[in-house]
C-alpha cells in the first residue's frame, strides 16, 4: 500500500501532467517522479484500487473526482508554501524542496490558518 506522501505525489504529478498536456501517461509519470515504469505500474494499481485513478483504453491515466480533489488540495498547498518561502527570500531550490515537504505534513485546519495569516500579513506589507 502506498503511503500518504507517495499517494499525494503521484496524484499531484498526474494532475499537473493532465493540466500541461491534457493527458498523463505512465512513462511521463515515471520520468517526473524519477522512478521505473514497473514502479509506476505497481503504484497505479494501488491508486486504482483506492479509487483515485483510472486507466483509459488508450493507456492514459485520469484522476477520479476523489483523486482530483486530493491532487488539487496538495497542489494548492505546494503553490502556497512555495510563494510564502520565496516571499521570505528562501533559496529557490530549498524553497521547492521544503514546499514539497510541507504540502504533506500540515492538516487542512493549520494550512487554512497559515494561509489566512500570510495573506493578512502580506497585504499589510504592500
Foldseek 3Di string as FASTA:
>chain_A
DDDQLVLLLLLLQQLVCCVVPVWAALVSSCVVVVHDSVVSVVVVVVCVVVQQWDADPVRTIDGDPVSNVSNVQLVVQLVVQLVVCVVVVDPNVVSNVVSSVVSRPDDPVVSVVVVVVVVVVVVVVD
